[in-house]
Amino acid sequence: MEQLIKNISKAEVLTLKEQVSYQEGQVVSKTLAQNDAVSVTLFSFDKGEEISTHESGGDAFVTCLDGVGEITIDGKKYELHEGESIVMPAKHPHAVYGKEQFKMLLVVIF
């Protein structure tokens, strides 16, 4: 049977930000789901680490789980704190930067 959601416990209450660890000098990602319609990934960014400017074929919904992140969309910077979300629209250049250590949940809808 195909696993729709992977790499995370099921039928158990959990805290998302505890499901991905900080690694010094790295961006860490953990894919929870991936198919033609949706991609769900947890990320942790060490302070100063980034995913440089790129475009996606889907709308990317980001929720900050911990720390402070900086999201750049079409050259405009947005600061994201725990509990805050932003949508990076499809086909628009965007980047993600850890202003402090930063964890986020990324849901891309294609």
N, C-alpha and C. Protein backbone atom coordinates (compact mmCIF):
# COMPACT_ATOMS: atom_id res chain seq x y z
N MET A 1 0.84 -1.20 0.00
CA MET A 1 0.00 0.00 0.00
C MET A 1 0.88 1.25 0.00
N GLU A 2 0.55 2.19 -0.85
CA GLU A 2 1.33 3.41 -0.96
C GLU A 2 1.16 4.27 0.29
N GLN A 3 2.27 4.80 0.78
CA GLN A 3 2.22 5.73 1.91
C GLN A 3 2.02 7.13 1.36
N LEU A 4 0.90 7.75 1.72
CA LEU A 4 0.63 9.11 1.25
C LEU A 4 1.45 10.12 2.06
N ILE A 5 1.46 9.93 3.39
CA ILE A 5 2.30 10.76 4.25
C ILE A 5 3.34 9.84 4.87
N LYS A 6 4.61 10.29 4.81
CA LYS A 6 5.72 9.45 5.27
C LYS A 6 6.61 10.24 6.23
N ASN A 7 7.54 9.56 6.85
CA ASN A 7 8.58 10.18 7.69
C ASN A 7 8.04 10.88 8.92
N ILE A 8 6.82 10.52 9.36
CA ILE A 8 6.24 11.15 10.54
C ILE A 8 5.25 10.17 11.15
N SER A 9 5.12 10.20 12.48
CA SER A 9 4.21 9.29 13.17
C SER A 9 2.77 9.59 12.82
N LYS A 10 1.96 8.54 12.79
CA LYS A 10 0.53 8.68 12.50
C LYS A 10 -0.27 8.28 13.73
N ALA A 11 -1.49 8.81 13.82
CA ALA A 11 -2.40 8.53 14.94
C ALA A 11 -1.71 8.83 16.27
N GLU A 12 -1.01 9.97 16.30
CA GLU A 12 -0.26 10.37 17.49
C GLU A 12 -0.16 11.90 17.48
N VAL A 13 -0.45 12.51 18.64
CA VAL A 13 -0.32 13.97 18.75
C VAL A 13 1.17 14.30 18.75
N LEU A 14 1.57 15.25 17.90
CA LEU A 14 2.99 15.62 17.86
C LEU A 14 3.13 17.12 17.60
N THR A 15 4.33 17.60 17.82
CA THR A 15 4.66 19.00 17.59
C THR A 15 5.55 19.07 16.35
N LEU A 16 5.05 19.76 15.31
CA LEU A 16 5.78 19.76 14.03
C LEU A 16 7.21 20.24 14.16
N LYS A 17 7.44 21.31 14.94
CA LYS A 17 8.81 21.84 15.00
C LYS A 17 9.80 20.87 15.63
N GLU A 18 9.29 19.86 16.34
CA GLU A 18 10.17 18.84 16.94
C GLU A 18 10.50 17.72 15.95
N GLN A 19 9.90 17.77 14.76
CA GLN A 19 10.07 16.68 13.78
C GLN A 19 11.27 16.91 12.84
N VAL A 20 11.90 18.08 12.95
CA VAL A 20 13.09 18.37 12.15
C VAL A 20 14.08 19.11 13.06
N SER A 21 15.36 18.72 12.96
CA SER A 21 16.38 19.28 13.86
C SER A 21 17.21 20.35 13.17
N TYR A 22 17.76 21.27 13.97
CA TYR A 22 18.73 22.22 13.44
C TYR A 22 20.07 21.50 13.28
N GLN A 23 20.79 21.82 12.19
CA GLN A 23 22.14 21.32 11.98
C GLN A 23 23.01 22.53 11.68
N GLU A 24 24.14 22.62 12.36
CA GLU A 24 25.02 23.78 12.20
C GLU A 24 25.43 23.98 10.75
N GLY A 25 25.21 25.18 10.22
CA GLY A 25 25.64 25.53 8.88
C GLY A 25 24.83 24.88 7.77
N GLN A 26 23.62 24.39 8.09
CA GLN A 26 22.87 23.65 7.08
C GLN A 26 21.40 24.05 7.00
N VAL A 27 20.83 23.74 5.86
CA VAL A 27 19.39 23.71 5.69
C VAL A 27 19.01 22.24 5.67
N VAL A 28 18.11 21.84 6.57
CA VAL A 28 17.68 20.45 6.66
C VAL A 28 16.24 20.37 6.18
N SER A 29 15.93 19.37 5.34
CA SER A 29 14.55 19.19 4.90
C SER A 29 14.10 17.76 5.16
N LYS A 30 12.82 17.62 5.47
CA LYS A 30 12.21 16.30 5.67
C LYS A 30 10.90 16.29 4.88
N THR A 31 10.85 15.48 3.84
CA THR A 31 9.66 15.39 2.99
C THR A 31 8.61 14.53 3.68
N LEU A 32 7.40 15.08 3.81
CA LEU A 32 6.29 14.34 4.42
C LEU A 32 5.33 13.79 3.38
N ALA A 33 5.21 14.49 2.25
CA ALA A 33 4.35 14.01 1.15
C ALA A 33 4.83 14.63 -0.14
N GLN A 34 4.71 13.86 -1.24
CA GLN A 34 5.17 14.35 -2.54
C GLN A 34 4.41 13.62 -3.62
N ASN A 35 3.62 14.36 -4.39
CA ASN A 35 2.98 13.77 -5.56
C ASN A 35 2.71 14.88 -6.58
N ASP A 36 1.98 14.58 -7.63
CA ASP A 36 1.77 15.56 -8.69
C ASP A 36 0.93 16.76 -8.25
N ALA A 37 0.17 16.61 -7.16
CA ALA A 37 -0.75 17.66 -6.74
C ALA A 37 -0.22 18.50 -5.59
N VAL A 38 0.59 17.88 -4.72
CA VAL A 38 1.02 18.56 -3.50
C VAL A 38 2.39 18.06 -3.04
N SER A 39 3.10 18.96 -2.38
CA SER A 39 4.37 18.61 -1.75
C SER A 39 4.34 19.22 -0.34
N VAL A 40 4.65 18.40 0.68
CA VAL A 40 4.66 18.88 2.07
C VAL A 40 6.03 18.56 2.65
N THR A 41 6.75 19.61 3.09
CA THR A 41 8.12 19.44 3.56
C THR A 41 8.37 20.29 4.80
N LEU A 42 9.04 19.71 5.78
CA LEU A 42 9.51 20.46 6.94
C LEU A 42 10.94 20.89 6.67
N PHE A 43 11.26 22.13 7.06
CA PHE A 43 12.62 22.65 6.89
C PHE A 43 13.13 23.24 8.19
N SER A 44 14.44 23.12 8.41
CA SER A 44 15.12 23.92 9.43
C SER A 44 16.30 24.61 8.77
N PHE A 45 16.47 25.87 9.12
CA PHE A 45 17.57 26.69 8.61
C PHE A 45 18.42 27.12 9.80
N ASP A 46 19.73 26.86 9.73
CA ASP A 46 20.60 27.46 10.73
C ASP A 46 20.67 28.96 10.42
N LYS A 47 20.98 29.75 11.44
CA LYS A 47 21.08 31.20 11.22
C LYS A 47 22.04 31.50 10.08
N GLY A 48 21.57 32.32 9.12
CA GLY A 48 22.41 32.73 8.00
C GLY A 48 22.35 31.80 6.80
N GLU A 49 21.65 30.67 6.93
CA GLU A 49 21.53 29.74 5.80
C GLU A 49 20.32 30.12 4.95
N GLU A 50 20.36 29.75 3.66
CA GLU A 50 19.27 30.16 2.78
C GLU A 50 19.04 29.18 1.65
N ILE A 51 17.86 29.30 1.06
CA ILE A 51 17.56 28.71 -0.24
C ILE A 51 17.49 29.90 -1.18
N SER A 52 18.40 29.95 -2.13
CA SER A 52 18.52 31.14 -2.98
C SER A 52 17.33 31.27 -3.92
N THR A 53 17.25 32.40 -4.58
CA THR A 53 16.10 32.75 -5.42
C THR A 53 15.84 31.70 -6.49
N HIS A 54 14.58 31.29 -6.56
CA HIS A 54 14.13 30.30 -7.55
C HIS A 54 12.64 30.51 -7.78
N GLU A 55 12.08 29.78 -8.72
CA GLU A 55 10.64 29.82 -8.98
C GLU A 55 10.08 28.41 -8.83
N SER A 56 8.81 28.34 -8.51
CA SER A 56 8.14 27.05 -8.36
C SER A 56 6.95 27.01 -9.30
N GLY A 57 6.58 25.82 -9.72
CA GLY A 57 5.42 25.66 -10.58
C GLY A 57 4.11 25.67 -9.81
N GLY A 58 4.19 25.72 -8.48
CA GLY A 58 2.98 25.73 -7.66
C GLY A 58 3.00 26.87 -6.66
N ASP A 59 1.83 27.14 -6.08
CA ASP A 59 1.76 28.10 -4.98
C ASP A 59 2.37 27.45 -3.74
N ALA A 60 3.27 28.18 -3.09
CA ALA A 60 4.00 27.65 -1.94
C ALA A 60 3.53 28.35 -0.67
N PHE A 61 2.88 27.59 0.20
CA PHE A 61 2.34 28.10 1.46
C PHE A 61 3.33 27.78 2.57
N VAL A 62 3.86 28.82 3.22
CA VAL A 62 4.88 28.66 4.25
C VAL A 62 4.31 29.06 5.60
N THR A 63 4.51 28.21 6.62
CA THR A 63 4.17 28.56 7.99
C THR A 63 5.42 28.45 8.84
N CYS A 64 5.73 29.52 9.58
CA CYS A 64 6.88 29.52 10.48
C CYS A 64 6.53 28.72 11.74
N LEU A 65 7.36 27.74 12.07
CA LEU A 65 7.15 26.89 13.24
C LEU A 65 8.03 27.32 14.41
N ASP A 66 9.15 28.00 14.11
CA ASP A 66 10.11 28.36 15.15
C ASP A 66 11.06 29.42 14.58
N GLY A 67 11.50 30.34 15.43
CA GLY A 67 12.53 31.30 15.02
C GLY A 67 12.02 32.41 14.13
N VAL A 68 12.94 32.97 13.34
CA VAL A 68 12.61 34.11 12.46
C VAL A 68 13.20 33.84 11.09
N GLY A 69 12.32 33.87 10.08
CA GLY A 69 12.76 33.68 8.71
C GLY A 69 12.47 34.90 7.88
N GLU A 70 13.22 35.03 6.80
CA GLU A 70 12.99 36.13 5.86
C GLU A 70 12.64 35.51 4.52
N ILE A 71 11.46 35.87 4.03
CA ILE A 71 10.97 35.38 2.75
C ILE A 71 11.05 36.54 1.76
N THR A 72 11.67 36.31 0.61
CA THR A 72 11.73 37.34 -0.43
C THR A 72 10.87 36.88 -1.61
N ILE A 73 9.92 37.73 -2.01
CA ILE A 73 9.06 37.43 -3.15
C ILE A 73 9.14 38.61 -4.10
N ASP A 74 9.51 38.37 -5.35
CA ASP A 74 9.64 39.45 -6.34
C ASP A 74 10.51 40.59 -5.81
N GLY A 75 11.55 40.25 -5.06
CA GLY A 75 12.49 41.25 -4.56
C GLY A 75 12.06 41.95 -3.28
N LYS A 76 10.84 41.72 -2.80
CA LYS A 76 10.37 42.34 -1.56
C LYS A 76 10.54 41.37 -0.40
N LYS A 77 11.11 41.88 0.73
CA LYS A 77 11.39 41.02 1.88
C LYS A 77 10.24 41.06 2.89
N TYR A 78 9.93 39.88 3.43
CA TYR A 78 8.90 39.73 4.46
C TYR A 78 9.52 38.95 5.62
N GLU A 79 9.27 39.40 6.86
CA GLU A 79 9.80 38.70 8.02
C GLU A 79 8.70 37.81 8.60
N LEU A 80 9.04 36.56 8.88
CA LEU A 80 8.07 35.59 9.36
C LEU A 80 8.48 35.12 10.75
N HIS A 81 7.52 35.19 11.70
CA HIS A 81 7.74 34.73 13.07
C HIS A 81 6.86 33.53 13.35
N GLU A 82 7.14 32.85 14.45
CA GLU A 82 6.39 31.64 14.80
C GLU A 82 4.88 31.86 14.72
N GLY A 83 4.21 30.97 14.01
CA GLY A 83 2.75 31.05 13.88
C GLY A 83 2.29 31.86 12.69
N GLU A 84 3.19 32.57 12.03
CA GLU A 84 2.83 33.38 10.87
C GLU A 84 3.05 32.59 9.58
N SER A 85 2.27 32.97 8.56
CA SER A 85 2.33 32.28 7.26
C SER A 85 2.37 33.28 6.12
N ILE A 86 2.83 32.81 4.97
CA ILE A 86 2.83 33.62 3.75
C ILE A 86 2.73 32.67 2.56
N VAL A 87 2.15 33.15 1.48
CA VAL A 87 2.08 32.36 0.25
C VAL A 87 3.03 32.96 -0.78
N MET A 88 3.92 32.13 -1.29
CA MET A 88 4.82 32.52 -2.37
C MET A 88 4.15 32.04 -3.66
N PRO A 89 3.62 32.98 -4.47
CA PRO A 89 2.84 32.55 -5.63
C PRO A 89 3.69 31.84 -6.69
N ALA A 90 3.03 30.91 -7.39
CA ALA A 90 3.68 30.15 -8.46
C ALA A 90 4.27 31.11 -9.50
N LYS A 91 5.40 30.71 -10.06
CA LYS A 91 6.06 31.43 -11.17
C LYS A 91 6.60 32.80 -10.76
N HIS A 92 6.66 33.09 -9.45
CA HIS A 92 7.28 34.34 -8.99
C HIS A 92 8.59 33.98 -8.30
N PRO A 93 9.67 34.73 -8.58
CA PRO A 93 10.94 34.42 -7.92
C PRO A 93 10.84 34.64 -6.42
N HIS A 94 11.35 33.67 -5.67
CA HIS A 94 11.33 33.78 -4.21
C HIS A 94 12.55 33.10 -3.60
N ALA A 95 12.84 33.49 -2.36
CA ALA A 95 13.98 32.94 -1.62
C ALA A 95 13.60 32.87 -0.15
N VAL A 96 14.31 32.01 0.61
CA VAL A 96 14.07 31.85 2.04
C VAL A 96 15.41 31.94 2.76
N TYR A 97 15.45 32.73 3.85
CA TYR A 97 16.70 32.99 4.58
C TYR A 97 16.43 32.89 6.08
N GLY A 98 17.34 32.25 6.80
CA GLY A 98 17.23 32.17 8.25
C GLY A 98 17.84 33.39 8.91
N LYS A 99 17.00 34.37 9.29
CA LYS A 99 17.51 35.55 10.01
C LYS A 99 18.04 35.14 11.37
N GLU A 100 17.33 34.22 11.99
CA GLU A 100 17.76 33.49 13.18
C GLU A 100 17.61 32.03 12.79
N GLN A 101 17.83 31.12 13.72
CA GLN A 101 17.46 29.75 13.41
C GLN A 101 15.96 29.77 13.12
N PHE A 102 15.54 28.97 12.13
CA PHE A 102 14.20 29.09 11.59
C PHE A 102 13.70 27.73 11.13
N LYS A 103 12.49 27.38 11.55
CA LYS A 103 11.85 26.15 11.06
C LYS A 103 10.54 26.52 10.39
N MET A 104 10.25 25.83 9.28
CA MET A 104 9.01 26.13 8.56
C MET A 104 8.40 24.86 7.99
N LEU A 105 7.08 24.92 7.80
CA LEU A 105 6.35 23.90 7.08
C LEU A 105 6.04 24.50 5.71
N LEU A 106 6.42 23.78 4.66
CA LEU A 106 6.18 24.23 3.29
C LEU A 106 5.17 23.28 2.64
N VAL A 107 4.06 23.86 2.18
CA VAL A 107 3.05 23.09 1.44
C VAL A 107 2.94 23.73 0.06
N VAL A 108 3.31 22.98 -0.98
CA VAL A 108 3.22 23.49 -2.35
C VAL A 108 2.06 22.78 -3.03
N ILE A 109 1.15 23.60 -3.60
CA ILE A 109 -0.01 23.08 -4.31
C ILE A 109 0.22 23.29 -5.81
N PHE A 110 0.15 22.20 -6.57
CA PHE A 110 0.41 22.27 -8.01
C PHE A 110 -0.90 22.22 -8.80
